[in-house]
Protein backbone atom coordinates (compact mmCIF):
# COMPACT_ATOMS: atom_id res chain seq x y z
CA UNK A 1 -100.11 55.51 38.52
CA UNK A 2 -99.76 55.38 34.73
CA UNK A 3 -97.80 58.60 34.77
CA UNK A 4 -95.42 57.17 37.39
CA UNK A 5 -94.77 54.01 35.31
CA UNK A 6 -94.11 56.13 32.23
CA UNK A 7 -91.56 58.22 34.15
CA UNK A 8 -89.75 55.09 35.44
CA UNK A 9 -89.58 53.66 31.91
CA UNK A 10 -88.16 56.94 30.62
CA UNK A 11 -85.47 57.06 33.30
CA UNK A 12 -84.53 53.40 32.68
CA UNK A 13 -84.21 54.01 28.94
CA UNK A 14 -82.14 57.17 29.58
CA UNK A 15 -79.71 55.35 31.88
CA UNK A 16 -79.31 52.44 29.45
CA UNK A 17 -78.60 54.92 26.65
CA UNK A 18 -75.85 56.58 28.71
CA UNK A 19 -74.32 53.20 29.51
CA UNK A 20 -74.38 52.25 25.84
CA UNK A 21 -72.71 55.48 24.83
CA UNK A 22 -70.08 55.03 27.53
CA UNK A 23 -69.31 51.43 26.61
CA UNK A 24 -69.26 52.10 22.90
CA UNK A 25 -66.58 54.79 23.20
CA UNK A 26 -64.04 54.47 20.47
CA UNK A 27 -60.59 53.13 21.26
CA UNK A 28 -58.22 55.71 19.73
CA UNK A 29 -55.06 54.81 17.90
CA UNK A 30 -52.29 54.14 20.44
CA UNK A 31 -49.37 56.50 20.91
CA UNK A 32 -45.98 54.98 20.22
CA UNK A 33 -43.53 55.91 22.95
CA UNK A 34 -40.47 53.81 22.28
CA UNK A 35 -40.40 50.94 23.05
CA UNK A 36 -44.15 50.47 23.65
CA UNK A 37 -47.61 51.48 22.47
CA UNK A 38 -49.75 53.36 25.00
CA UNK A 39 -53.53 52.84 25.12
CA UNK A 40 -55.91 55.02 27.22
CA UNK A 41 -58.87 54.02 29.42
CA UNK A 42 -61.30 53.61 26.50
CA UNK A 43 -59.30 50.65 25.21
CA UNK A 44 -59.06 48.65 28.42
CA UNK A 45 -62.25 46.70 27.72
CA UNK A 46 -61.63 46.21 23.99
CA UNK A 47 -60.52 43.04 22.23
CA UNK A 48 -56.88 44.02 21.76
CA UNK A 49 -54.25 41.55 20.67
CA UNK A 50 -52.18 42.31 23.77
CA UNK A 51 -54.90 40.66 25.89
CA UNK A 52 -54.90 37.40 23.91
CA UNK A 53 -52.81 34.46 25.18
CA UNK A 54 -49.99 32.94 23.15
CA UNK A 55 -50.81 29.88 20.99
CA UNK A 56 -49.08 27.64 23.55
CA UNK A 57 -51.48 28.83 26.25
CA UNK A 58 -48.66 30.17 28.43
CA UNK A 59 -48.98 33.26 30.60
CA UNK A 60 -46.38 35.63 32.08
CA UNK A 61 -45.21 35.27 35.65
CA UNK A 62 -46.43 37.48 38.48
CA UNK A 63 -44.33 40.69 38.82
CA UNK A 64 -42.15 40.40 41.91
CA UNK A 65 -41.91 44.03 42.98
CA UNK A 66 -44.35 46.93 42.88
CA UNK A 67 -43.33 50.18 44.53
CA UNK A 68 -45.48 53.30 44.45
CA UNK A 69 -44.44 56.87 45.25
CA UNK A 70 -46.03 60.23 44.66
CA UNK A 71 -43.95 63.15 43.42
CA UNK A 72 -44.25 66.89 42.94
CA UNK A 73 -43.36 68.45 39.58
CA UNK A 74 -44.06 72.06 38.63
CA UNK A 75 -46.48 72.35 41.54
CA UNK A 76 -48.53 69.29 40.47
CA UNK A 77 -48.70 65.76 41.84
CA UNK A 78 -47.89 62.55 39.97
CA UNK A 79 -47.58 58.84 40.76
CA UNK A 80 -44.59 56.67 39.88
CA UNK A 81 -44.85 52.87 39.78
CA UNK A 82 -41.71 50.70 39.67
CA UNK A 83 -41.79 46.92 39.25
CA UNK A 84 -39.74 43.92 38.21
CA UNK A 85 -41.02 41.26 35.80
CA UNK A 86 -39.85 38.40 33.61
CA UNK A 87 -40.11 38.82 29.83
CA UNK A 88 -41.15 35.18 29.40
CA UNK A 89 -44.58 34.94 27.71
CA UNK A 90 -45.03 38.70 28.24
CA UNK A 91 -46.80 41.10 25.87
CA UNK A 92 -47.24 44.13 28.10
CA UNK A 93 -48.99 45.50 31.18
CA UNK A 94 -52.32 46.95 32.26
CA UNK A 95 -52.29 49.48 35.11
CA UNK A 96 -55.53 50.56 36.80
CA UNK A 97 -55.87 53.52 39.16
CA UNK A 98 -58.93 53.15 41.39
CA UNK A 99 -59.97 56.20 43.43
CA UNK A 100 -61.12 55.34 46.92
CA UNK A 101 -64.52 56.71 47.84
CA UNK A 102 -65.68 57.01 44.22
CA UNK A 103 -66.26 54.89 41.13
CA UNK A 104 -63.57 56.75 39.20
CA UNK A 105 -61.02 54.55 37.44
CA UNK A 106 -58.19 55.30 35.06
CA UNK A 107 -56.54 52.58 32.98
CA UNK A 108 -53.39 52.41 30.86
CA UNK A 109 -52.22 49.63 28.54
CA UNK A 110 -48.50 49.33 27.73
CA UNK A 111 -48.10 47.08 24.71
CA UNK A 112 -44.53 45.76 24.28
CA UNK A 113 -45.50 42.96 21.87
CA UNK A 114 -43.42 44.07 18.92
CA UNK A 115 -40.42 45.14 20.94
CA UNK A 116 -40.20 41.96 23.01
CA UNK A 117 -40.04 39.60 20.06
CA UNK A 118 -36.79 37.61 20.16
CA UNK A 119 -35.70 39.33 23.40
CA UNK A 120 -34.03 37.52 26.30
CA UNK A 121 -36.24 35.94 28.93
CA UNK A 122 -34.53 37.40 31.99
CA UNK A 123 -36.09 39.73 34.56
CA UNK A 124 -36.14 43.47 34.05
CA UNK A 125 -37.19 46.61 35.89
CA UNK A 126 -39.94 48.86 34.58
CA UNK A 127 -41.17 52.32 35.53
CA UNK A 128 -44.33 54.20 34.62
CA UNK A 129 -45.37 57.69 35.67
CA UNK A 130 -48.87 59.10 35.45
CA UNK A 131 -48.91 62.90 35.64
CA UNK A 132 -50.57 65.17 36.57
CA UNK A 133 -52.87 63.63 39.19
CA UNK A 134 -55.39 65.54 41.25
CA UNK A 135 -53.95 66.17 44.71
CA UNK A 136 -55.35 64.97 48.04
CA UNK A 137 -56.65 61.64 46.68
CA UNK A 138 -56.28 58.07 47.93
CA UNK A 139 -55.66 55.70 45.02
CA UNK A 140 -55.54 51.90 44.75
CA UNK A 141 -53.16 50.78 41.99
CA UNK A 142 -53.58 47.41 40.22
CA UNK A 143 -50.83 46.01 37.97
CA UNK A 144 -51.65 43.17 35.54
CA UNK A 145 -49.07 41.50 33.27
CA UNK A 146 -50.51 40.74 29.85
CA UNK A 147 -51.89 38.40 28.76
CA UNK A 148 -53.70 38.19 32.07
CA UNK A 149 -54.57 34.98 33.87
CA UNK A 150 -56.52 34.44 37.07
CA UNK A 151 -53.63 34.74 39.50
CA UNK A 152 -50.55 36.20 37.81
CA UNK A 153 -50.86 39.71 39.23
CA UNK A 154 -49.64 41.13 42.57
CA UNK A 155 -52.00 42.53 45.22
CA UNK A 156 -53.21 46.08 44.67
CA UNK A 157 -51.26 48.75 46.56
CA UNK A 158 -52.38 52.08 47.92
CA UNK A 159 -50.80 55.47 47.33
CA UNK A 160 -52.00 59.00 48.04
CA UNK A 161 -51.37 62.42 46.58
CA UNK A 162 -51.94 64.39 49.75
CA UNK A 163 -50.25 67.77 50.11
CA UNK A 164 -49.36 67.93 53.80
CA UNK A 165 -50.14 71.62 53.93
CA UNK A 166 -53.67 71.04 52.59
CA UNK A 167 -54.55 68.22 54.98
CA UNK A 168 -57.96 68.66 56.60
CA UNK A 169 -60.10 66.29 58.63
CA UNK A 170 -63.78 65.95 59.38
CA UNK A 171 -64.32 66.83 63.04
CA UNK A 172 -66.82 64.62 64.87
CA UNK A 173 -68.17 65.41 68.33
CA UNK A 174 -70.52 64.06 70.96
CA UNK A 175 -71.90 65.34 74.26
CA UNK A 176 -71.75 63.01 77.26
CA UNK A 177 -72.52 64.07 80.81
CA UNK A 178 -70.58 67.33 81.25
CA UNK A 179 -68.00 66.67 78.51
CA UNK A 180 -67.72 67.67 74.85
CA UNK A 181 -65.86 64.79 73.16
CA UNK A 182 -64.04 65.76 69.95
CA UNK A 183 -62.61 63.25 67.44
CA UNK A 184 -60.64 63.76 64.22
CA UNK A 185 -58.53 61.65 61.86
CA UNK A 186 -54.75 61.85 61.84
CA UNK A 187 -52.91 63.26 58.84
CA UNK A 188 -50.97 61.10 56.34
CA UNK A 189 -48.07 59.22 57.89
CA UNK A 190 -45.69 60.62 55.26
CA UNK A 191 -46.21 64.11 56.76
CA UNK A 192 -44.62 62.98 60.04
CA UNK A 193 -46.95 65.14 62.15
CA UNK A 194 -46.02 65.17 65.84
CA UNK A 195 -48.66 67.50 67.33
CA UNK A 196 -52.05 68.94 66.33
CA UNK A 197 -53.48 72.26 67.53
CA UNK A 198 -57.07 71.86 68.71
CA UNK A 199 -58.92 75.15 69.37
CA UNK A 200 -62.31 75.78 71.03
CA UNK A 201 -64.20 78.97 70.06
CA UNK A 202 -67.35 80.57 71.43
CA UNK A 203 -70.27 81.70 69.26
CA UNK A 204 -68.43 84.92 68.39
CA UNK A 205 -65.34 82.92 67.28
CA UNK A 206 -63.31 84.09 70.27
CA UNK A 207 -60.71 81.57 71.44
CA UNK A 208 -61.67 79.88 74.71
CA UNK A 209 -59.15 77.03 74.86
CA UNK A 210 -56.17 75.79 72.85
CA UNK A 211 -55.04 72.18 73.14
CA UNK A 212 -51.90 70.42 71.89
CA UNK A 213 -52.87 66.85 70.96
CA UNK A 214 -50.00 64.44 70.41
CA UNK A 215 -50.09 62.13 67.39
CA UNK A 216 -50.35 58.36 67.77
CA UNK A 217 -48.61 55.56 65.90
CA UNK A 218 -51.35 53.06 66.74
CA UNK A 219 -54.59 55.05 66.34
CA UNK A 220 -56.09 56.40 63.13
CA UNK A 221 -58.28 58.86 65.04
CA UNK A 222 -57.45 61.14 67.97
CA UNK A 223 -59.79 62.20 70.75
CA UNK A 224 -59.98 65.01 73.29
CA UNK A 225 -62.55 66.00 75.96
CA UNK A 226 -63.54 69.52 76.98
CA UNK A 227 -65.17 69.76 80.44
CA UNK A 228 -67.38 72.33 82.14
CA UNK A 229 -68.80 74.10 79.09
CA UNK A 230 -71.67 76.49 79.70
CA UNK A 231 -74.82 76.31 77.56
CA UNK A 232 -74.19 78.05 74.27
CA UNK A 233 -72.77 77.80 70.75
CA UNK A 234 -69.24 76.56 70.11
CA UNK A 235 -66.93 75.69 67.22
CA UNK A 236 -63.79 73.55 66.96
CA UNK A 237 -60.78 73.82 64.65
CA UNK A 238 -57.83 71.46 64.08
CA UNK A 239 -54.56 72.19 62.32
CA UNK A 240 -51.03 70.82 62.12
CA UNK A 241 -48.53 72.24 64.61
CA UNK A 242 -45.59 72.97 62.32
CA UNK A 243 -42.67 73.67 64.66
CA UNK A 244 -40.22 74.53 61.87
CA UNK A 245 -42.77 76.31 59.67
CA UNK A 246 -40.24 78.82 58.32
CA UNK A 247 -37.17 76.56 57.96
CA UNK A 248 -36.65 75.23 54.43
CA UNK A 249 -36.14 71.48 54.40
CA UNK A 250 -37.66 70.93 57.86
CA UNK A 251 -41.22 72.28 57.73
CA UNK A 252 -44.29 70.10 57.24
CA UNK A 253 -46.45 72.57 55.33
CA UNK A 254 -44.89 73.70 52.07
CA UNK A 255 -45.95 75.86 49.16
CA UNK A 256 -46.38 74.25 45.69
CA UNK A 257 -42.78 75.26 44.88
CA UNK A 258 -41.55 73.28 47.90
CA UNK A 259 -40.68 76.33 50.00
CA UNK A 260 -41.54 76.73 53.68
CA UNK A 261 -43.02 79.78 55.39
CA UNK A 262 -46.68 79.13 54.60
CA UNK A 263 -49.55 78.37 56.97
CA UNK A 264 -51.13 74.92 57.25
CA UNK A 265 -54.80 74.53 56.31
CA UNK A 266 -57.29 74.51 59.20
CA UNK A 267 -60.18 72.05 59.62
CA UNK A 268 -63.37 73.48 61.13
CA UNK A 269 -66.39 71.82 62.72
CA UNK A 270 -70.04 72.68 62.36
CA UNK A 271 -71.57 74.87 65.03
CA UNK A 272 -72.06 72.93 68.26
CA UNK A 273 -74.90 73.68 70.67
CA UNK A 274 -74.34 72.76 74.32
CA UNK A 275 -77.27 72.64 76.75
CA UNK A 276 -76.98 71.95 80.47
CA UNK A 277 -76.97 73.38 83.95
CA UNK A 278 -73.89 74.17 86.05
CA UNK A 279 -70.68 75.02 84.22
CA UNK A 280 -67.23 76.58 84.42
CA UNK A 281 -66.78 78.89 81.48
CA UNK A 282 -63.20 78.58 80.22
CA UNK A 283 -61.26 81.82 79.81
CA UNK A 284 -58.96 82.75 76.95
CA UNK A 285 -55.97 82.60 79.31
CA UNK A 286 -56.61 78.97 80.21
CA UNK A 287 -54.18 77.50 77.69
CA UNK A 288 -54.11 73.70 77.87
CA UNK A 289 -52.18 70.74 76.61
CA UNK A 290 -53.20 67.12 76.31
CA UNK A 291 -52.05 63.70 75.33
CA UNK A 292 -54.22 61.61 73.05
CA UNK A 293 -57.65 61.00 74.55
CA UNK A 294 -56.90 62.74 77.89
CA UNK A 295 -58.20 65.90 79.54
CA UNK A 296 -56.19 69.13 79.37
CA UNK A 297 -53.51 70.45 81.72
CA UNK A 298 -52.21 74.04 82.08
CA UNK A 299 -49.46 74.97 79.65
CA UNK A 300 -49.06 78.73 80.02
CA UNK A 301 -45.87 78.18 82.06
CA UNK A 302 -44.56 75.94 79.26
CA UNK A 303 -45.05 78.71 76.71
CA UNK A 304 -43.32 81.22 79.01
CA UNK A 305 -40.34 78.87 79.35
CA UNK A 306 -40.12 78.52 75.57
CA UNK A 307 -40.32 82.30 75.15
CA UNK A 308 -37.53 82.96 77.68
CA UNK A 309 -35.36 80.25 76.09
CA UNK A 310 -35.77 81.86 72.67
CA UNK A 311 -34.88 85.31 74.05
CA UNK A 312 -31.76 83.88 75.72
CA UNK A 313 -30.66 82.12 72.56
CA UNK A 314 -31.16 85.29 70.51
CA UNK A 315 -29.01 87.34 72.92
CA UNK A 316 -26.24 84.73 72.80
CA UNK A 317 -26.38 84.60 69.01
CA UNK A 318 -26.28 88.41 68.81
CA UNK A 319 -23.10 88.53 70.93
CA UNK A 320 -21.52 85.86 68.73
CA UNK A 321 -22.43 87.74 65.55
CA UNK A 322 -21.01 91.01 66.89
CA UNK A 323 -17.70 89.37 67.78
CA UNK A 324 -17.69 87.63 64.41
CA UNK A 325 -18.06 90.89 62.50
CA UNK A 326 -15.40 92.62 64.57
CA UNK A 327 -12.85 89.96 63.59
CA UNK A 328 -14.23 89.50 60.09
CA UNK A 329 -13.14 92.99 59.03
CA UNK A 330 -9.49 91.91 59.07
CA UNK A 331 -10.04 88.97 56.67
CA UNK A 332 -9.46 89.92 53.04
CA UNK A 333 -12.12 88.71 50.62
CA UNK A 334 -11.01 86.06 48.12
CA UNK A 335 -12.59 85.67 44.71
CA UNK A 336 -13.18 82.28 43.11
CA UNK A 337 -14.76 80.57 40.10
CA UNK A 338 -17.27 77.73 40.42
CA UNK A 339 -17.78 74.93 37.87
CA UNK A 340 -20.35 72.15 38.17
CA UNK A 341 -22.68 69.77 36.34
CA UNK A 342 -26.45 70.30 36.76
CA UNK A 343 -27.19 66.76 38.01
CA UNK A 344 -30.75 67.50 39.15
CA UNK A 345 -32.78 70.30 40.77
CA UNK A 346 -31.89 69.28 44.35
CA UNK A 347 -28.19 69.27 43.43
CA UNK A 348 -28.46 72.73 41.85
CA UNK A 349 -30.31 74.10 44.87
CA UNK A 350 -27.61 72.78 47.20
CA UNK A 351 -24.96 74.50 45.06
CA UNK A 352 -26.90 77.80 45.21
CA UNK A 353 -26.92 77.51 49.02
CA UNK A 354 -23.19 76.72 48.94
CA UNK A 355 -22.46 79.88 46.92
CA UNK A 356 -24.58 81.96 49.29
CA UNK A 357 -22.77 80.58 52.32
CA UNK A 358 -19.29 81.07 50.84
CA UNK A 359 -20.08 84.69 49.95
CA UNK A 360 -20.80 85.32 53.63
CA UNK A 361 -17.45 83.75 54.54
CA UNK A 362 -15.33 86.24 52.58
CA UNK A 363 -15.03 83.70 49.72
CA UNK A 364 -16.86 85.35 46.86
CA UNK A 365 -17.84 82.63 44.40
CA UNK A 366 -18.72 83.45 40.80
CA UNK A 367 -20.57 80.77 38.82
CA UNK A 368 -18.43 80.52 35.69
CA UNK A 369 -21.32 79.86 33.28
CA UNK A 370 -23.11 83.02 34.43
CA UNK A 371 -19.94 85.10 34.27
CA UNK A 372 -18.83 83.91 30.83
CA UNK A 373 -21.89 84.00 28.60
CA UNK A 374 -21.62 81.77 25.56
CA UNK A 375 -18.45 80.08 26.84
CA UNK A 376 -16.03 82.60 25.29
CA UNK A 377 -12.65 80.79 25.68
CA UNK A 378 -10.56 83.98 25.87
CA UNK A 379 -12.78 85.55 28.51
CA UNK A 380 -12.84 82.24 30.42
CA UNK A 381 -9.02 82.00 30.44
CA UNK A 382 -8.85 85.60 31.65
CA UNK A 383 -11.24 84.88 34.53
CA UNK A 384 -9.26 81.76 35.49
CA UNK A 385 -6.05 83.80 35.68
CA UNK A 386 -7.74 86.59 37.67
CA UNK A 387 -9.35 84.30 40.28
CA UNK A 388 -7.77 83.48 43.66
CA UNK A 389 -9.17 79.93 43.68
CA UNK A 390 -11.30 77.60 41.53
CA UNK A 391 -13.86 75.11 42.84
CA UNK A 392 -15.10 72.14 40.83
CA UNK A 393 -18.05 70.24 42.32
CA UNK A 394 -17.49 66.53 41.75
CA UNK A 395 -20.76 64.61 41.35
CA UNK A 396 -22.18 61.44 39.87
CA UNK A 397 -23.04 63.19 36.60
CA UNK A 398 -19.51 64.59 36.28
CA UNK A 399 -18.05 61.16 37.02
CA UNK A 400 -20.23 59.57 34.32
CA UNK A 401 -19.33 62.28 31.84
CA UNK A 402 -15.59 61.94 32.41
CA UNK A 403 -15.93 58.20 31.80
CA UNK A 404 -17.74 58.93 28.53
CA UNK A 405 -15.01 61.36 27.45
CA UNK A 406 -12.44 58.59 27.82
CA UNK A 407 -14.35 56.68 25.12
CA UNK A 408 -14.71 59.78 22.91
CA UNK A 409 -18.39 60.04 23.85
CA UNK A 410 -20.70 62.55 25.51
CA UNK A 411 -24.35 62.95 26.52
CA UNK A 412 -26.64 65.13 24.41
CA UNK A 413 -28.52 66.61 27.35
CA UNK A 414 -25.36 68.00 28.96
CA UNK A 415 -25.09 70.31 25.96
CA UNK A 416 -28.51 71.79 26.79
CA UNK A 417 -27.44 73.00 30.25
CA UNK A 418 -25.35 76.16 30.62
CA UNK A 419 -23.14 74.95 33.46
CA UNK A 420 -22.75 71.43 32.07
CA UNK A 421 -22.05 72.58 28.50
CA UNK A 422 -19.24 74.88 29.70
CA UNK A 423 -17.25 71.94 31.07
CA UNK A 424 -15.11 70.10 28.52
CA UNK A 425 -12.19 67.69 28.77
CA UNK A 426 -9.79 70.42 27.61
CA UNK A 427 -11.15 72.89 30.17
CA UNK A 428 -10.55 70.37 32.96
CA UNK A 429 -6.90 70.17 31.88
CA UNK A 430 -6.66 73.96 31.99
CA UNK A 431 -8.19 74.05 35.48
CA UNK A 432 -5.70 71.44 36.74
CA UNK A 433 -2.80 73.37 35.22
CA UNK A 434 -3.85 76.60 36.97
CA UNK A 435 -2.77 75.19 40.37
CA UNK A 436 -5.82 76.93 41.84
CA UNK A 437 -8.24 74.02 41.58
CA UNK A 438 -10.06 72.65 44.62
CA UNK A 439 -12.49 69.71 44.44
CA UNK A 440 -15.66 69.78 46.54
CA UNK A 441 -18.19 66.96 46.76
CA UNK A 442 -21.41 66.12 48.57
CA UNK A 443 -21.40 62.92 50.67
CA UNK A 444 -23.38 60.90 48.10
CA UNK A 445 -20.95 61.61 45.23
CA UNK A 446 -18.78 58.64 44.15
CA UNK A 447 -15.27 58.60 45.63
CA UNK A 448 -13.71 56.09 43.24
CA UNK A 449 -12.78 58.45 40.41
CA UNK A 450 -11.43 61.47 42.30
CA UNK A 451 -8.00 60.12 43.19
CA UNK A 452 -7.36 58.82 39.66
CA UNK A 453 -8.82 61.79 37.77
CA UNK A 454 -7.48 64.52 40.10
CA UNK A 455 -4.51 62.87 41.87
CA UNK A 456 -2.83 66.05 43.13
CA UNK A 457 -5.92 68.14 43.89
CA UNK A 458 -7.26 68.53 47.42
CA UNK A 459 -10.86 67.31 47.87
CA UNK A 460 -13.31 68.43 50.58
CA UNK A 461 -16.63 66.79 51.51
CA UNK A 462 -19.43 69.27 52.26
CA UNK A 463 -20.42 70.23 54.86
CA UNK A 464 -18.18 68.00 56.98
CA UNK A 465 -14.97 69.67 55.78
CA UNK A 466 -16.38 73.08 54.91
CA UNK A 467 -14.33 74.88 57.56
CA UNK A 468 -11.13 73.25 56.28
CA UNK A 469 -12.04 74.48 52.79
CA UNK A 470 -12.40 78.06 54.05
CA UNK A 471 -9.10 77.82 55.90
CA UNK A 472 -7.28 76.67 52.73
CA UNK A 473 -8.77 79.51 50.70
CA UNK A 474 -7.74 82.23 53.21
CA UNK A 475 -4.37 80.68 54.04
CA UNK A 476 -2.29 81.47 57.11
CA UNK A 477 -1.89 84.72 59.05
CA UNK A 478 -5.50 85.12 60.11
CA UNK A 479 -5.81 82.13 62.45
CA UNK A 480 -7.64 84.00 65.22
CA UNK A 481 -10.14 85.52 62.81
CA UNK A 482 -10.74 82.16 61.13
CA UNK A 483 -11.37 80.54 64.51
CA UNK A 484 -14.21 82.99 65.12
CA UNK A 485 -15.46 82.43 61.57
CA UNK A 486 -15.42 78.63 61.95
CA UNK A 487 -17.29 78.72 65.28
CA UNK A 488 -19.91 81.06 63.87
CA UNK A 489 -20.73 78.56 61.10
CA UNK A 490 -22.41 76.25 63.60
CA UNK A 491 -24.98 78.97 64.36
CA UNK A 492 -25.26 80.33 60.84
CA UNK A 493 -28.73 80.02 59.26
CA UNK A 494 -27.16 79.72 55.83
CA UNK A 495 -25.02 76.83 57.08
CA UNK A 496 -28.12 75.00 58.35
CA UNK A 497 -29.93 75.71 55.10
CA UNK A 498 -26.97 74.34 53.11
CA UNK A 499 -26.88 71.20 55.28
CA UNK A 500 -30.59 70.57 54.72
CA UNK A 501 -30.44 71.01 50.94
CA UNK A 502 -27.48 68.61 50.72
CA UNK A 503 -29.53 66.05 52.67
CA UNK A 504 -32.44 66.59 50.26
CA UNK A 505 -30.14 65.94 47.30
CA UNK A 506 -28.79 62.78 48.93
CA UNK A 507 -32.30 61.52 49.70
CA UNK A 508 -33.37 62.13 46.11
CA UNK A 509 -30.46 60.11 44.70
CA UNK A 510 -31.03 57.34 47.22
CA UNK A 511 -34.75 57.08 46.44
CA UNK A 512 -34.37 57.54 42.66
CA UNK A 513 -31.67 55.06 41.73
CA UNK A 514 -31.99 55.71 38.00
CA UNK A 515 -32.24 59.50 38.02
CA UNK A 516 -29.11 59.84 35.85
CA UNK A 517 -30.42 57.49 33.13
CA UNK A 518 -33.79 59.19 33.44
CA UNK A 519 -32.33 62.61 32.64
CA UNK A 520 -29.29 62.02 30.44
CA UNK A 521 -30.25 58.72 28.70
CA UNK A 522 -27.12 57.29 27.04
CA UNK A 523 -23.88 58.70 25.55
CA UNK A 524 -23.18 59.18 21.86
CA UNK A 525 -19.99 59.40 19.82
CA UNK A 526 -18.49 62.90 19.79
CA UNK A 527 -18.66 63.16 16.02
CA UNK A 528 -22.43 62.54 16.08
CA UNK A 529 -23.09 65.43 18.46
CA UNK A 530 -24.04 68.60 16.61
CA UNK A 531 -24.63 72.00 18.24
CA UNK A 532 -28.34 71.70 17.51
CA UNK A 533 -28.51 68.04 18.45
CA UNK A 534 -31.78 67.83 20.34
CA UNK A 535 -34.42 65.20 20.87
CA UNK A 536 -38.15 65.78 20.99
CA UNK A 537 -39.45 65.41 24.51
CA UNK A 538 -42.95 66.75 23.84
CA UNK A 539 -45.83 64.63 22.61
CA UNK A 540 -49.24 66.23 22.10
CA UNK A 541 -48.23 69.09 24.38
CA UNK A 542 -47.10 66.86 27.25
CA UNK A 543 -43.68 65.99 28.54
CA UNK A 544 -42.27 62.50 28.03
CA UNK A 545 -38.98 60.85 28.82
CA UNK A 546 -38.15 58.57 25.90
CA UNK A 547 -35.52 55.86 26.20
CA UNK A 548 -33.74 54.01 23.44
CA UNK A 549 -31.62 51.80 25.70
CA UNK A 550 -32.08 48.09 24.88
CA UNK A 551 -34.16 46.35 27.49
CA UNK A 552 -31.79 43.37 27.49
CA UNK A 553 -29.12 45.23 29.46
CA UNK A 554 -30.52 48.44 30.98
CA UNK A 555 -33.29 49.51 33.32
CA UNK A 556 -36.35 50.09 31.15
CA UNK A 557 -37.58 53.61 31.71
CA UNK A 558 -41.20 54.21 30.89
CA UNK A 559 -42.42 57.80 31.28
CA UNK A 560 -45.81 58.47 29.75
CA UNK A 561 -47.93 61.57 29.78
CA UNK A 562 -51.41 61.00 31.03
CA UNK A 563 -54.51 63.08 31.38
CA UNK A 564 -55.27 64.77 34.68
CA UNK A 565 -57.16 62.47 37.01
CA UNK A 566 -60.18 64.07 38.62
């Protein structure tokens, strides 16, 4: 008994020592990331000045908006928080990330005290990114304006970092009468899963039955019943049915680089033992389908129909391709130059798909920046003269840059990109004067500046007017051949891939309203831009986006590096 008491005292003392060490962790010196000081988790319980109320006892108002999204960068997940708040009586913010199912918490303090002195009291937008974050986690995010009062913070919101491809579920089962009842949780709603494959195996892992279980918008868990199982050992697996598994832009399960063509993860149950009397052993040819919670129905005929439909479509496509190539031989290939600004990765990917498609349409496109290394003006003028046509992709970034040029300004970060740096105001004049220039734009690009900046240049919206673009490039005299070419575009895989990447670019710009400010910051006078004019975007080995735009008139961007969350 004495020995037991001694052991309990030792364990109590050990636990208290660990708690003391944890609570006495030093608060390191904050990192200054203009315009705020960033404090890590160790400082969130310390007596910092940012927590103390103003002498007048006033507190900031409750933030009005809090939006959370997860993002993928370099194969790793991150979380972006965007909110709107008044600057009145505000010193900064505390953000807590609480991991569901564990006692793990991460905290960040953003101290704006010095910067906000003598600033206007209007509302402003803020953004904070924590990156990288461990994937496949459910996280509750709390936002507190500082100094904090009892009720000046919005409700906590939930966000997850699930990779759709890596979704797995615990498989529960029960035996009732002559039925094996299987239950599993649905995948994240953001994955937009329509159907799950449910497979029953025998003890030797041979497939006995396959079931297609439809998703549900009202249930968090799905159920299916297997009847007539003989006594023995069984196993169950569940995986996402990814109909467009190999179609970029449409698949559910994607590799870390965002590409399709990879298999979804598969959830597996424990071994299940069934005991009973009479049974009907299912055969491997008894393929079944089911709606949520219902018994299975034969689906072999359904698969046969799908197979025959695919074969028929392939034969039709083959005939179309053969006729296309017969006519295509008479169309002479045209050679063109391509100029564009590297707005963002989705934009650049769409342009790569555009080049690939045009090359298959007897319009060989050369990206000017790749062709003319270093921007040699003589070589560039030679290539302009030699080309049959020139395409300039008009985008939001190009529009912003042209506006800056009119004020004798430019953006530093354009000079760090090969394609963007090649474009200058004088080069645009040369392109216009060549009488070979064609403007192309994606649907989300602004229309306002095209007519004034390029009044006599034809503009085509992709992919809506892509066929008209091809017809202008090839000219007259090959109408019959072009008709075949135009019709074939509707069945062209590269055309579908181009359409999907353009949609991805449009969705990115729609969901990230401040992507341009995020990447290019603000313009500077031409005379202040030197060839080696660069800004440091690395802090302690991590990437930061640092903004010097006054908070009184511009969206306040706050990008902070943070440690990986376990």
